[in-house]
Amino acid sequence: MENIPFLVTQPDEEVDDDVKGLFSLDRDVVARDIPVEKLRENLNNVCQSVASALGDIKKVGDFKLKEVEIQVEVTAEGGVELIGTAKLGGKGAITLTFSE
């Protein structure tokens, strides 16, 4: 099985699960090999969900939606999470840009 190395935060059961991010001060950054198939599946799920959520948004006022850009973070387990806060500043994130 093919893997891709990622720098991710070390999972730690003692750290509050609400604290996330690649370079959180509460966790160590480690290199993990993420299986390509798992990453592909999780990215596909996120993209399908975003497409479903944005499917009806074609026009805002007099403006047409031309492009959507989202950033995702890869977890130590190979999961993909949307970045919903500016605290990361996009560091280490994968940016996905969709155009119509």
C-alpha atoms as a PDB file:
ATOM      1  CA  MET A   1       0.000   0.000   0.000  1.00  0.00           C
ATOM      2  CA  GLU A   2       1.337   3.418  -0.980  1.00  0.00           C
ATOM      3  CA  ASN A   3       1.827   6.045   1.771  1.00  0.00           C
ATOM      4  CA  ILE A   4       2.410   9.794   1.906  1.00  0.00           C
ATOM      5  CA  PRO A   5       4.387  11.285   4.807  1.00  0.00           C
ATOM      6  CA  PHE A   6       2.631  14.098   6.717  1.00  0.00           C
ATOM      7  CA  LEU A   7       3.649  16.231   9.662  1.00  0.00           C
ATOM      8  CA  VAL A   8       0.793  15.986  12.147  1.00  0.00           C
ATOM      9  CA  THR A   9       0.214  16.571  15.833  1.00  0.00           C
ATOM     10  CA  GLN A  10       0.812  13.593  18.067  1.00  0.00           C
ATOM     11  CA  PRO A  11      -2.498  12.229  19.344  1.00  0.00           C
ATOM     12  CA  ASP A  12      -2.624  12.536  23.123  1.00  0.00           C
ATOM     13  CA  GLU A  13      -5.482  11.262  25.237  1.00  0.00           C
ATOM     14  CA  GLU A  14      -4.654  13.728  28.026  1.00  0.00           C
ATOM     15  CA  VAL A  15      -4.998  16.803  25.798  1.00  0.00           C
ATOM     16  CA  ASP A  16      -8.425  18.427  25.373  1.00  0.00           C
ATOM     17  CA  ASP A  17      -9.984  17.142  22.128  1.00  0.00           C
ATOM     18  CA  ASP A  18     -11.205  20.669  21.306  1.00  0.00           C
ATOM     19  CA  VAL A  19      -7.594  21.767  20.786  1.00  0.00           C
ATOM     20  CA  LYS A  20      -6.623  20.982  17.193  1.00  0.00           C
ATOM     21  CA  GLY A  21      -4.028  22.128  14.759  1.00  0.00           C
ATOM     22  CA  LEU A  22      -0.769  21.059  13.237  1.00  0.00           C
ATOM     23  CA  PHE A  23       1.391  23.202  15.448  1.00  0.00           C
ATOM     24  CA  SER A  24      -0.566  23.379  18.689  1.00  0.00           C
ATOM     25  CA  LEU A  25       1.680  24.185  21.640  1.00  0.00           C
ATOM     26  CA  ASP A  26       0.101  21.348  23.631  1.00  0.00           C
ATOM     27  CA  ARG A  27       1.154  18.547  21.290  1.00  0.00           C
ATOM     28  CA  ASP A  28       4.307  17.343  19.582  1.00  0.00           C
ATOM     29  CA  VAL A  29       4.584  17.397  15.793  1.00  0.00           C
ATOM     30  CA  VAL A  30       5.459  13.996  14.352  1.00  0.00           C
ATOM     31  CA  ALA A  31       5.868  12.536  10.878  1.00  0.00           C
ATOM     32  CA  ARG A  32       3.262   9.915   9.993  1.00  0.00           C
ATOM     33  CA  ASP A  33       2.849   7.829   6.866  1.00  0.00           C
ATOM     34  CA  ILE A  34      -0.763   8.184   5.759  1.00  0.00           C
ATOM     35  CA  PRO A  35      -2.120   5.519   3.377  1.00  0.00           C
ATOM     36  CA  VAL A  36      -2.948   7.104   0.006  1.00  0.00           C
ATOM     37  CA  GLU A  37      -6.220   5.161  -0.286  1.00  0.00           C
ATOM     38  CA  LYS A  38      -7.421   6.386   3.129  1.00  0.00           C
ATOM     39  CA  LEU A  39      -6.477   9.982   2.288  1.00  0.00           C
ATOM     40  CA  ARG A  40      -8.212   9.691  -1.111  1.00  0.00           C
ATOM     41  CA  GLU A  41     -11.380   8.341   0.499  1.00  0.00           C
ATOM     42  CA  ASN A  42     -11.462  11.032   3.205  1.00  0.00           C
ATOM     43  CA  LEU A  43     -10.729  13.875   0.758  1.00  0.00           C
ATOM     44  CA  ASN A  44     -13.478  12.566  -1.516  1.00  0.00           C
ATOM     45  CA  ASN A  45     -15.963  12.496   1.394  1.00  0.00           C
ATOM     46  CA  VAL A  46     -15.124  16.085   2.373  1.00  0.00           C
ATOM     47  CA  CYS A  47     -15.340  17.303  -1.233  1.00  0.00           C
ATOM     48  CA  GLN A  48     -18.693  15.585  -1.776  1.00  0.00           C
ATOM     49  CA  SER A  49     -20.060  17.121   1.436  1.00  0.00           C
ATOM     50  CA  VAL A  50     -18.838  20.603   0.495  1.00  0.00           C
ATOM     51  CA  ALA A  51     -20.332  20.207  -2.984  1.00  0.00           C
ATOM     52  CA  SER A  52     -23.652  19.194  -1.435  1.00  0.00           C
ATOM     53  CA  ALA A  53     -23.611  22.141   0.982  1.00  0.00           C
ATOM     54  CA  LEU A  54     -22.775  24.654  -1.748  1.00  0.00           C
ATOM     55  CA  GLY A  55     -24.807  23.075  -4.554  1.00  0.00           C
ATOM     56  CA  ASP A  56     -27.637  25.624  -4.436  1.00  0.00           C
ATOM     57  CA  ILE A  57     -25.419  28.682  -4.062  1.00  0.00           C
ATOM     58  CA  LYS A  58     -24.939  29.903  -7.616  1.00  0.00           C
ATOM     59  CA  LYS A  59     -25.707  33.581  -7.219  1.00  0.00           C
ATOM     60  CA  VAL A  60     -25.467  36.126  -4.412  1.00  0.00           C
ATOM     61  CA  GLY A  61     -27.273  39.340  -5.274  1.00  0.00           C
ATOM     62  CA  ASP A  62     -25.933  40.447  -8.649  1.00  0.00           C
ATOM     63  CA  PHE A  63     -22.813  38.292  -8.277  1.00  0.00           C
ATOM     64  CA  LYS A  64     -22.250  34.752  -9.488  1.00  0.00           C
ATOM     65  CA  LEU A  65     -20.222  32.321  -7.405  1.00  0.00           C
ATOM     66  CA  LYS A  66     -17.152  31.589  -9.489  1.00  0.00           C
ATOM     67  CA  GLU A  67     -14.804  29.876  -7.068  1.00  0.00           C
ATOM     68  CA  VAL A  68     -14.805  28.237  -3.651  1.00  0.00           C
ATOM     69  CA  GLU A  69     -11.611  27.757  -1.674  1.00  0.00           C
ATOM     70  CA  ILE A  70     -11.432  25.630   1.448  1.00  0.00           C
ATOM     71  CA  GLN A  71      -8.552  24.436   3.572  1.00  0.00           C
ATOM     72  CA  VAL A  72      -8.351  21.047   5.186  1.00  0.00           C
ATOM     73  CA  GLU A  73      -6.042  19.510   7.741  1.00  0.00           C
ATOM     74  CA  VAL A  74      -4.900  15.896   7.676  1.00  0.00           C
ATOM     75  CA  THR A  75      -5.103  14.174  11.070  1.00  0.00           C
ATOM     76  CA  ALA A  76      -2.605  11.667  12.427  1.00  0.00           C
ATOM     77  CA  GLU A  77      -5.072   8.888  11.574  1.00  0.00           C
ATOM     78  CA  GLY A  78      -5.440  10.041   7.937  1.00  0.00           C
ATOM     79  CA  GLY A  79      -8.711  11.863   8.497  1.00  0.00           C
ATOM     80  CA  VAL A  80      -9.458  15.133   6.727  1.00  0.00           C
ATOM     81  CA  GLU A  81     -10.983  18.042   8.659  1.00  0.00           C
ATOM     82  CA  LEU A  82     -12.144  21.413   7.408  1.00  0.00           C
ATOM     83  CA  ILE A  83     -10.302  24.315   8.990  1.00  0.00           C
ATOM     84  CA  GLY A  84     -12.995  26.463  10.544  1.00  0.00           C
ATOM     85  CA  THR A  85     -10.795  28.956  12.339  1.00  0.00           C
ATOM     86  CA  ALA A  86      -8.060  31.383  11.408  1.00  0.00           C
ATOM     87  CA  LYS A  87      -5.880  30.233  14.313  1.00  0.00           C
ATOM     88  CA  LEU A  88      -3.914  27.914  12.047  1.00  0.00           C
ATOM     89  CA  GLY A  89      -3.362  30.607   9.477  1.00  0.00           C
ATOM     90  CA  GLY A  90      -3.351  27.879   6.851  1.00  0.00           C
ATOM     91  CA  LYS A  91      -0.001  26.464   8.013  1.00  0.00           C
ATOM     92  CA  GLY A  92       0.315  22.908   6.895  1.00  0.00           C
ATOM     93  CA  ALA A  93      -3.141  22.916   5.355  1.00  0.00           C
ATOM     94  CA  ILE A  94      -4.153  21.537   2.000  1.00  0.00           C
ATOM     95  CA  THR A  95      -6.005  24.166  -0.017  1.00  0.00           C
ATOM     96  CA  LEU A  96      -8.713  22.866  -2.329  1.00  0.00           C
ATOM     97  CA  THR A  97      -9.995  25.329  -4.948  1.00  0.00           C
ATOM     98  CA  PHE A  98     -13.158  24.578  -6.921  1.00  0.00           C
ATOM     99  CA  SER A  99     -14.207  26.537 -10.013  1.00  0.00           C
ATOM    100  CA  GLU A 100     -17.325  26.284 -12.088  1.00  0.00           C
END
